[in-house]
Amino acid sequence: MDCAVEFPENATSQNADGERVVTKNSRFSNMKKKPFSSLGNLRRTLRGFSFSKSMSMQSVVSNGSTSCSSIPVDNVDNFFSDEGSTPHRCSSSSRGNNNQTGKVAVDCFENANLSYGIAQLPGCKDQDRFDIRVSAEGEFSEVNYFSIFDGHGTSAFAADVCEESLFDSVGTHTLPSDGAIVEAYDVMDRKVRENEREPRTGTCAITLFLNQEEPANLIDDFSQEIEGKVAWVGDCRCMYISQDGTVRQLTQDHRIDGNKSEEERVLNSDHSTREGLLESTVWRNEFAKAEQCGEVTFLRSHSFIGRRTHNGVATGPRCVFAHTGGVSLQVTRSIGDPYAARSVISTPEVVSFSVPRGEYARFVLGSDGLFDIFSCQDVAKFVSSYKDPSRAAKKLAVQAKQKRLYAGMSLDDITVLVIDLNPEMRKFSKRKNLFS
């Protein structure tokens, strides 16, 4: 292992007589050009010295009110985000124009043990949102937070609510418990449903919580793994590429097709309602009237599985339908969607994982605009060609957009987030395993 680190130069100043004075950086002068033979030596050197080079602990949000900095797809190779650039969400100039692939909005960040790049290509509805909380110099937090919200329905209201409030609802700057995450999702669901002006809005969501340790403390920590959790509802995905090239999909789409457990859950939800849904309100009122008349009542299933039709012909994947309002969803879990079937719930699945301490790992999160066109294995092969996560995210988003256009698919929003853990260790990754 040969890890080279660049240290600060000696400081230059002037004394009271105007003479030039060079102050020697004694702490690092003897090791400035010295390579490190082991990760342990690198950790010892990191004590008290931070490599953070970008934003302080903050929310990197896709906020519609932020000034949008976007670039044409043709110029994606020549674009690099300025250090500390303003996070943004980009509106597409190609909305409704199938001859263009739009514009890509990007943001990036890097510190000693983590870097990321995110790219967003809005489609016709522009309902994707993201929220990222990372630590930087002077403001350390024990957990990094990454999230993508893929909105659907008549507006992006549900995605906006989650972007603004989900992290605060979790209420911790350490790795949260599963119960805290589930409760935060439920709080978001109630917030969306309480807004009567937006009855047909919902969002899929995926949140990644990644533990990290302050570089100065690494030498004193003898634990073997870095812990993380991913929670999701809907069909956004998170995948993990380990240092040895192993690809692991951490999530499974909440859809009828391809997820047998979700299909069984929907079919077995005959006698339950989701409070706040239109169905539960209608049937609760009907049951109350029937009971007043002395009738024996029972709750019938008003969720059913079927395909949408076009000109009388069933087409597309199987969906969950609600009799009331005729609403159908491809996903079986979401936040919001008050008119959805009773079997569509907001309870997330939560998966815990660990990364061997000191090893390189790459995570890729994306909305269904990406994973409808690429498999996880295809994504892993693609991003392995790019060292910089920001460049990998941009290229992947552009490629997904172009493939959707060539295939005649809808102009869906595409959000791609690439995260590198311990990026200095990437040189030891076995990317060739991805192509075996």
Protein backbone atom coordinates (compact mmCIF):
# COMPACT_ATOMS: atom_id res chain seq x y z
CA MET A 1 0.00 0.00 0.00
CA ASP A 2 1.50 3.34 -1.01
CA CYS A 3 -0.70 6.30 -0.14
CA ALA A 4 0.79 9.68 -0.98
CA VAL A 5 -0.61 12.74 0.80
CA GLU A 6 0.02 16.38 -0.06
CA PHE A 7 0.71 18.63 2.94
CA PRO A 8 0.45 22.40 3.39
CA GLU A 9 3.27 24.57 2.19
CA ASN A 10 5.31 26.77 4.55
CA ALA A 11 3.60 30.06 5.39
CA THR A 12 4.99 33.37 4.08
CA SER A 13 4.40 36.73 5.81
CA GLN A 14 5.98 40.13 6.51
CA ASN A 15 7.33 41.47 9.79
CA ALA A 16 6.98 45.02 11.11
CA ASP A 17 9.95 46.19 8.99
CA GLY A 18 8.41 44.88 5.80
CA GLU A 19 10.85 41.98 5.52
CA ARG A 20 9.68 38.67 4.08
CA VAL A 21 9.47 35.95 6.72
CA VAL A 22 8.98 32.25 6.01
CA THR A 23 7.42 30.26 8.81
CA LYS A 24 8.38 26.61 8.57
CA ASN A 25 5.59 24.11 8.96
CA SER A 26 7.50 21.91 11.37
CA ARG A 27 4.65 19.48 11.87
CA PHE A 28 4.61 18.33 8.27
CA SER A 29 7.92 19.48 6.79
CA ASN A 30 9.72 16.22 7.47
CA MET A 31 7.03 14.08 5.90
CA LYS A 32 5.79 16.21 3.03
CA LYS A 33 7.13 13.93 0.29
CA LYS A 34 7.12 10.76 2.33
CA PRO A 35 4.70 8.07 1.14
CA PHE A 36 2.69 6.07 3.63
CA SER A 37 3.29 2.34 3.68
CA SER A 38 0.08 1.47 5.49
CA LEU A 39 -3.37 2.77 6.27
CA GLY A 40 -2.36 2.91 9.93
CA ASN A 41 0.42 5.40 9.17
CA LEU A 42 -2.02 7.46 7.14
CA ARG A 43 -4.49 7.50 10.03
CA ARG A 44 -1.81 8.62 12.48
CA THR A 45 -0.94 11.51 10.22
CA LEU A 46 -4.59 12.46 9.91
CA ARG A 47 -4.86 13.09 13.67
CA GLY A 48 -5.87 16.69 14.11
CA PHE A 49 -5.58 17.40 10.39
CA SER A 50 -8.68 17.70 8.21
CA PHE A 51 -8.77 17.35 4.45
CA SER A 52 -12.28 18.76 4.11
CA LYS A 53 -12.32 21.09 1.17
CA SER A 54 -15.92 22.03 0.52
CA MET A 55 -19.14 22.94 2.30
CA SER A 56 -19.75 22.87 6.04
CA MET A 57 -22.40 20.58 7.49
CA GLN A 58 -25.39 21.61 5.45
CA SER A 59 -28.33 20.45 3.44
CA VAL A 60 -27.52 19.97 -0.22
CA VAL A 61 -31.03 20.19 -1.58
CA SER A 62 -32.69 20.21 -4.96
CA ASN A 63 -34.67 23.30 -4.03
CA GLY A 64 -36.75 24.85 -6.77
CA SER A 65 -36.13 28.35 -5.38
CA THR A 66 -32.37 28.04 -5.86
CA SER A 67 -30.79 29.57 -8.92
CA CYS A 68 -30.32 26.80 -11.46
CA SER A 69 -26.91 26.15 -12.94
CA SER A 70 -27.23 23.76 -15.85
CA ILE A 71 -25.18 22.61 -18.80
CA PRO A 72 -26.13 21.21 -22.18
CA VAL A 73 -25.57 17.48 -22.54
CA ASP A 74 -23.13 18.11 -25.38
CA ASN A 75 -20.82 19.97 -23.00
CA VAL A 76 -20.96 17.53 -20.11
CA ASP A 77 -17.30 16.51 -20.62
CA ASN A 78 -16.13 20.08 -20.11
CA PHE A 79 -18.15 20.89 -17.02
CA PHE A 80 -16.82 20.75 -13.48
CA SER A 81 -18.64 22.11 -10.44
CA ASP A 82 -16.84 24.89 -8.62
CA GLU A 83 -15.76 24.14 -5.08
CA GLY A 84 -18.57 25.11 -2.76
CA SER A 85 -20.98 25.65 -5.65
CA THR A 86 -24.59 26.38 -4.81
CA PRO A 87 -26.69 23.21 -4.68
CA HIS A 88 -29.50 23.34 -7.10
CA ARG A 89 -32.26 21.67 -9.04
CA CYS A 90 -32.38 22.15 -12.77
CA SER A 91 -35.44 22.63 -14.97
CA SER A 92 -35.28 21.02 -18.39
CA SER A 93 -35.39 23.19 -21.49
CA SER A 94 -36.50 20.15 -23.51
CA ARG A 95 -39.80 19.71 -21.68
CA GLY A 96 -42.16 18.22 -24.21
CA ASN A 97 -39.48 18.11 -26.95
CA ASN A 98 -38.46 14.58 -27.89
CA ASN A 99 -35.58 15.78 -30.05
CA GLN A 100 -33.45 16.96 -27.16
CA THR A 101 -32.18 15.24 -24.05
CA GLY A 102 -32.32 18.34 -21.88
CA LYS A 103 -29.84 19.81 -19.48
CA VAL A 104 -28.05 18.22 -16.57
CA ALA A 105 -27.68 19.78 -13.11
CA VAL A 106 -24.75 18.62 -11.03
CA ASP A 107 -23.18 19.02 -7.62
CA CYS A 108 -20.19 17.42 -5.91
CA PHE A 109 -18.32 17.24 -2.61
CA GLU A 110 -15.10 15.75 -1.29
CA ASN A 111 -13.41 15.31 2.07
CA ALA A 112 -10.86 12.92 3.58
CA ASN A 113 -12.99 9.80 3.72
CA LEU A 114 -16.00 10.53 1.52
CA SER A 115 -16.84 12.09 -1.82
CA TYR A 116 -19.98 12.19 -3.91
CA GLY A 117 -21.40 13.46 -7.15
CA ILE A 118 -25.06 13.90 -8.04
CA ALA A 119 -26.64 14.55 -11.42
CA GLN A 120 -30.25 15.33 -12.23
CA LEU A 121 -32.01 15.39 -15.58
CA PRO A 122 -35.62 16.58 -15.28
CA GLY A 123 -38.21 15.04 -17.54
CA CYS A 124 -41.74 16.16 -18.37
CA LYS A 125 -42.96 16.57 -14.78
CA ASP A 126 -39.76 17.62 -12.96
CA GLN A 127 -40.77 15.94 -9.69
CA ASP A 128 -37.46 14.40 -8.53
CA ARG A 129 -35.89 15.90 -5.42
CA PHE A 130 -32.83 15.11 -3.32
CA ASP A 131 -31.41 16.04 0.06
CA ILE A 132 -27.84 15.41 1.21
CA ARG A 133 -26.28 16.18 4.59
CA VAL A 134 -22.53 15.75 4.88
CA SER A 135 -19.82 16.81 7.29
CA ALA A 136 -16.95 19.10 6.48
CA GLU A 137 -14.21 20.97 8.26
CA GLY A 138 -15.11 22.22 11.72
CA GLU A 139 -18.61 20.71 11.90
CA PHE A 140 -18.34 16.95 12.31
CA SER A 141 -21.38 14.68 12.38
CA GLU A 142 -21.29 10.95 12.99
CA VAL A 143 -23.66 10.13 10.16
CA ASN A 144 -23.95 11.24 6.54
CA TYR A 145 -27.40 11.38 4.99
CA PHE A 146 -28.29 10.90 1.32
CA SER A 147 -31.82 10.82 -0.07
CA ILE A 148 -33.73 10.84 -3.33
CA PHE A 149 -37.46 11.46 -3.65
CA ASP A 150 -39.19 10.45 -6.87
CA GLY A 151 -42.49 12.31 -6.88
CA HIS A 152 -45.58 11.32 -8.86
CA GLY A 153 -49.14 12.45 -9.30
CA THR A 154 -50.38 15.93 -10.08
CA SER A 155 -47.57 17.82 -8.32
CA ALA A 156 -44.21 17.50 -6.56
CA PHE A 157 -45.71 18.50 -3.21
CA ALA A 158 -45.00 15.16 -1.51
CA ALA A 159 -41.39 15.12 -2.70
CA ASP A 160 -40.93 18.73 -1.57
CA VAL A 161 -42.21 17.92 1.92
CA CYS A 162 -39.80 15.00 2.27
CA GLU A 163 -36.87 16.98 0.94
CA GLU A 164 -37.45 19.73 3.46
CA SER A 165 -38.39 17.73 6.55
CA LEU A 166 -37.46 14.04 6.54
CA PHE A 167 -33.94 14.42 7.91
CA ASP A 168 -35.13 16.67 10.73
CA SER A 169 -37.90 14.20 11.54
CA VAL A 170 -35.34 11.47 12.13
CA GLY A 171 -33.95 13.79 14.81
CA THR A 172 -30.46 12.39 15.27
CA HIS A 173 -26.94 13.05 14.07
CA THR A 174 -25.93 9.46 14.79
CA LEU A 175 -26.97 6.30 12.99
CA PRO A 176 -30.72 6.16 13.69
CA SER A 177 -32.67 3.15 14.86
CA ASP A 178 -35.02 1.36 12.50
CA GLY A 179 -37.95 2.60 14.56
CA ALA A 180 -36.85 6.23 14.26
CA ILE A 181 -36.65 5.91 10.48
CA VAL A 182 -40.07 4.25 10.22
CA GLU A 183 -41.59 6.97 12.41
CA ALA A 184 -40.02 9.72 10.28
CA TYR A 185 -41.53 8.22 7.13
CA ASP A 186 -44.91 8.06 8.85
CA VAL A 187 -44.63 11.72 9.86
CA MET A 188 -43.95 12.67 6.23
CA ASP A 189 -46.93 10.62 5.10
CA ARG A 190 -49.24 12.40 7.53
CA LYS A 191 -47.92 15.81 6.49
CA VAL A 192 -48.69 15.13 2.85
CA ARG A 193 -52.16 13.71 3.50
CA GLU A 194 -53.12 16.60 5.77
CA ASN A 195 -52.85 19.01 2.84
CA GLU A 196 -56.31 18.83 1.27
CA ARG A 197 -55.26 20.99 -1.68
CA GLU A 198 -52.95 18.23 -2.99
CA PRO A 199 -55.00 15.00 -2.81
CA ARG A 200 -53.28 13.31 -5.74
CA THR A 201 -49.61 13.64 -4.88
CA GLY A 202 -47.17 11.06 -3.62
CA THR A 203 -43.52 10.12 -3.74
CA CYS A 204 -41.18 7.18 -3.65
CA ALA A 205 -38.26 7.70 -1.30
CA ILE A 206 -34.86 6.25 -0.54
CA THR A 207 -32.58 7.34 2.30
CA LEU A 208 -29.04 6.19 3.00
CA PHE A 209 -27.50 6.74 6.44
CA LEU A 210 -23.75 6.15 6.42
CA ASN A 211 -21.76 6.22 9.64
CA GLN A 212 -18.41 7.92 9.64
CA GLU A 213 -15.71 8.65 12.15
CA GLU A 214 -13.64 11.76 12.61
CA PRO A 215 -10.20 11.19 11.05
CA ALA A 216 -8.49 12.24 14.29
CA ASN A 217 -10.18 9.36 16.13
CA LEU A 218 -9.49 6.57 13.67
CA ILE A 219 -6.26 5.49 15.36
CA ASP A 220 -8.10 4.89 18.63
CA ASP A 221 -10.98 2.97 17.09
CA PHE A 222 -10.41 -0.76 16.78
CA SER A 223 -13.82 -1.65 15.36
CA GLN A 224 -13.71 -3.58 12.13
CA GLU A 225 -16.65 -2.13 10.20
CA ILE A 226 -18.43 1.07 9.22
CA GLU A 227 -22.18 0.70 9.63
CA GLY A 228 -24.93 2.03 7.43
CA LYS A 229 -28.66 1.74 6.81
CA VAL A 230 -30.84 2.21 3.78
CA ALA A 231 -34.60 2.75 3.97
CA TRP A 232 -37.01 3.02 1.08
CA VAL A 233 -40.56 2.97 -0.21
CA GLY A 234 -41.26 2.49 -3.89
CA ASP A 235 -38.83 1.72 -6.68
CA CYS A 236 -35.82 3.95 -6.12
CA ARG A 237 -32.72 1.80 -5.64
CA CYS A 238 -29.45 1.71 -3.75
CA MET A 239 -26.56 -0.53 -4.76
CA TYR A 240 -23.18 -1.15 -3.18
CA ILE A 241 -19.93 -2.00 -5.00
CA SER A 242 -17.27 -3.35 -2.66
CA GLN A 243 -13.50 -3.06 -3.01
CA ASP A 244 -13.27 -6.59 -4.42
CA GLY A 245 -15.79 -5.72 -7.15
CA THR A 246 -18.80 -7.46 -5.63
CA VAL A 247 -22.09 -5.81 -6.57
CA ARG A 248 -24.92 -5.93 -4.07
CA GLN A 249 -28.39 -4.47 -4.57
CA LEU A 250 -29.42 -3.30 -1.12
CA THR A 251 -33.06 -2.62 -2.02
CA GLN A 252 -35.87 -4.45 -3.76
CA ASP A 253 -38.50 -2.57 -5.72
CA HIS A 254 -41.88 -2.27 -4.04
CA ARG A 255 -43.82 -3.43 -7.07
CA ILE A 256 -46.17 -6.31 -7.79
CA ASP A 257 -44.02 -7.65 -10.61
CA GLY A 258 -40.75 -9.06 -9.33
CA ASN A 259 -41.51 -8.86 -5.60
CA LYS A 260 -43.48 -11.88 -4.44
CA SER A 261 -43.61 -10.80 -0.79
CA GLU A 262 -45.20 -7.46 -1.74
CA GLU A 263 -47.75 -9.21 -3.94
CA GLU A 264 -48.70 -11.48 -1.04
CA ARG A 265 -48.93 -8.52 1.33
CA VAL A 266 -51.30 -6.69 -1.02
CA LEU A 267 -53.47 -9.76 -1.47
CA ASN A 268 -53.61 -10.34 2.29
CA SER A 269 -54.58 -6.76 3.17
CA ASP A 270 -58.33 -7.41 2.80
CA HIS A 271 -59.28 -6.41 6.33
CA SER A 272 -57.17 -3.36 6.99
CA THR A 273 -57.24 0.28 5.99
CA ARG A 274 -54.61 2.94 5.91
CA GLU A 275 -55.84 5.86 7.99
CA GLY A 276 -56.22 9.02 5.93
CA LEU A 277 -56.85 7.29 2.61
CA LEU A 278 -60.04 8.11 0.75
CA GLU A 279 -61.13 4.46 0.91
CA SER A 280 -60.84 4.27 4.68
CA THR A 281 -62.93 7.44 5.09
CA VAL A 282 -65.67 6.30 2.69
CA TRP A 283 -65.98 2.82 4.11
CA ARG A 284 -65.80 3.94 7.73
CA ASN A 285 -68.82 6.18 7.09
CA GLU A 286 -70.69 3.40 5.31
CA PHE A 287 -69.98 0.94 8.13
CA ALA A 288 -71.20 3.44 10.71
CA LYS A 289 -74.50 3.86 8.87
CA ALA A 290 -74.92 0.09 8.50
CA GLU A 291 -74.19 -0.54 12.16
CA GLN A 292 -76.78 2.04 13.18
CA CYS A 293 -79.35 0.02 11.23
CA GLY A 294 -78.30 -3.16 13.02
CA GLU A 295 -76.72 -4.75 9.98
CA VAL A 296 -73.73 -7.09 10.30
CA THR A 297 -70.87 -5.59 8.33
CA PHE A 298 -67.38 -6.60 7.34
CA LEU A 299 -64.57 -4.80 5.57
CA ARG A 300 -64.21 -5.93 1.98
CA SER A 301 -61.02 -5.63 -0.01
CA HIS A 302 -61.14 -2.64 -2.29
CA SER A 303 -57.60 -3.02 -3.51
CA PHE A 304 -57.04 -5.24 -6.50
CA ILE A 305 -54.18 -6.08 -8.82
CA GLY A 306 -54.48 -5.55 -12.56
CA ARG A 307 -53.05 -3.85 -15.61
CA ARG A 308 -53.94 -0.51 -17.04
CA THR A 309 -55.73 -0.59 -20.37
CA HIS A 310 -55.28 1.31 -23.60
CA ASN A 311 -58.10 1.11 -26.15
CA GLY A 312 -59.48 -1.81 -24.21
CA VAL A 313 -56.21 -3.75 -24.21
CA ALA A 314 -54.31 -4.46 -20.98
CA THR A 315 -50.78 -3.10 -21.15
CA GLY A 316 -47.76 -2.42 -18.97
CA PRO A 317 -46.80 -3.84 -15.58
CA ARG A 318 -49.33 -4.92 -12.98
CA CYS A 319 -50.55 -2.17 -10.67
CA VAL A 320 -52.48 -1.80 -7.43
CA PHE A 321 -55.93 -0.34 -8.11
CA ALA A 322 -58.37 1.35 -5.76
CA HIS A 323 -62.08 1.10 -6.53
CA THR A 324 -62.68 4.54 -5.05
CA GLY A 325 -61.46 7.20 -7.46
CA GLY A 326 -60.06 4.67 -9.94
CA VAL A 327 -56.49 5.40 -8.82
CA SER A 328 -53.74 2.94 -9.72
CA LEU A 329 -50.08 2.83 -8.72
CA GLN A 330 -47.22 0.68 -9.97
CA VAL A 331 -45.58 0.88 -6.54
CA THR A 332 -47.01 -0.82 -3.47
CA ARG A 333 -45.45 1.57 -0.96
CA SER A 334 -45.22 5.35 -1.09
CA ILE A 335 -45.47 8.53 0.95
CA GLY A 336 -48.71 10.44 0.44
CA ASP A 337 -51.14 9.25 -2.25
CA PRO A 338 -54.36 9.77 -0.22
CA TYR A 339 -56.46 8.35 -3.07
CA ALA A 340 -54.39 5.17 -3.40
CA ALA A 341 -55.56 1.68 -2.52
CA ARG A 342 -55.63 0.67 1.13
CA SER A 343 -52.78 -1.79 0.59
CA VAL A 344 -50.35 0.98 -0.46
CA ILE A 345 -48.48 1.79 2.75
CA SER A 346 -45.83 4.29 3.79
CA THR A 347 -43.88 1.94 6.06
CA PRO A 348 -40.33 1.67 4.70
CA GLU A 349 -38.17 -1.38 4.54
CA VAL A 350 -34.90 -0.84 6.40
CA VAL A 351 -31.73 -2.79 5.64
CA SER A 352 -28.54 -2.58 7.68
CA PHE A 353 -25.13 -3.22 6.14
CA SER A 354 -21.47 -2.77 6.97
CA VAL A 355 -18.28 -1.88 5.10
CA PRO A 356 -14.88 -3.15 6.29
CA ARG A 357 -13.09 -0.22 7.88
CA GLY A 358 -10.53 1.36 5.61
CA GLU A 359 -11.79 -0.31 2.42
CA TYR A 360 -13.03 1.49 -0.65
CA ALA A 361 -16.75 1.25 -1.40
CA ARG A 362 -18.97 2.91 -3.98
CA PHE A 363 -22.71 3.41 -3.56
CA VAL A 364 -25.11 4.31 -6.37
CA LEU A 365 -28.60 5.64 -5.64
CA GLY A 366 -31.08 6.42 -8.36
CA SER A 367 -34.71 7.05 -9.22
CA ASP A 368 -36.63 4.69 -11.48
CA GLY A 369 -35.76 6.93 -14.41
CA LEU A 370 -32.33 5.30 -14.19
CA PHE A 371 -33.19 1.75 -13.16
CA ASP A 372 -36.07 1.34 -15.61
CA ILE A 373 -33.43 1.34 -18.34
CA PHE A 374 -30.32 -0.08 -16.61
CA SER A 375 -29.85 -3.16 -14.44
CA CYS A 376 -27.72 -2.88 -11.32
CA GLN A 377 -24.97 -4.89 -13.02
CA ASP A 378 -25.00 -2.51 -16.00
CA VAL A 379 -24.79 0.47 -13.66
CA ALA A 380 -21.86 -1.07 -11.78
CA LYS A 381 -19.92 -1.67 -14.99
CA PHE A 382 -20.63 1.84 -16.23
CA VAL A 383 -19.59 3.77 -13.11
CA SER A 384 -16.46 1.64 -12.65
CA SER A 385 -15.00 3.41 -15.69
CA TYR A 386 -14.93 6.76 -13.89
CA LYS A 387 -12.78 7.58 -10.89
CA ASP A 388 -14.59 10.83 -10.09
CA PRO A 389 -18.08 10.14 -8.67
CA SER A 390 -19.39 13.43 -10.03
CA ARG A 391 -18.32 12.54 -13.54
CA ALA A 392 -19.73 9.03 -13.15
CA ALA A 393 -23.11 10.42 -12.06
CA LYS A 394 -23.28 12.92 -14.94
CA LYS A 395 -22.31 10.41 -17.60
CA LEU A 396 -24.73 7.80 -16.28
CA ALA A 397 -27.65 10.24 -16.16
CA VAL A 398 -26.99 11.37 -19.72
CA GLN A 399 -26.67 7.80 -20.96
CA ALA A 400 -29.94 6.79 -19.28
CA LYS A 401 -31.74 9.76 -20.82
CA GLN A 402 -30.49 8.94 -24.29
CA LYS A 403 -31.39 5.25 -24.00
CA ARG A 404 -34.90 6.16 -22.88
CA LEU A 405 -35.30 8.41 -25.90
CA TYR A 406 -33.98 5.81 -28.33
CA ALA A 407 -36.32 3.19 -26.83
CA GLY A 408 -39.33 5.48 -27.19
CA MET A 409 -39.89 5.58 -23.43
CA SER A 410 -41.41 8.48 -21.54
CA LEU A 411 -39.27 11.44 -20.53
CA ASP A 412 -39.06 10.51 -16.87
CA ASP A 413 -37.00 12.45 -14.36
CA ILE A 414 -33.56 10.92 -13.75
CA THR A 415 -31.53 11.41 -10.58
CA VAL A 416 -28.20 9.65 -10.04
CA LEU A 417 -26.12 9.85 -6.86
CA VAL A 418 -22.66 8.23 -6.68
CA ILE A 419 -20.90 8.08 -3.30
CA ASP A 420 -17.33 6.96 -2.65
CA LEU A 421 -16.31 5.82 0.82
CA ASN A 422 -12.55 6.00 1.47
CA PRO A 423 -11.84 7.21 -2.09
CA GLU A 424 -8.06 7.09 -1.57
CA MET A 425 -8.34 3.30 -1.39
CA ARG A 426 -9.91 3.02 -4.85
CA LYS A 427 -6.57 2.07 -6.35
CA PHE A 428 -6.88 -1.30 -4.61
CA SER A 429 -10.37 -2.09 -5.95
CA LYS A 430 -10.75 -5.08 -8.26
CA ARG A 431 -12.93 -3.59 -10.96
CA LYS A 432 -12.18 -6.46 -13.33
CA ASN A 433 -14.55 -8.63 -11.30
CA LEU A 434 -17.43 -6.51 -12.60
CA PHE A 435 -16.80 -7.72 -16.13
CA SER A 436 -16.45 -11.43 -15.38
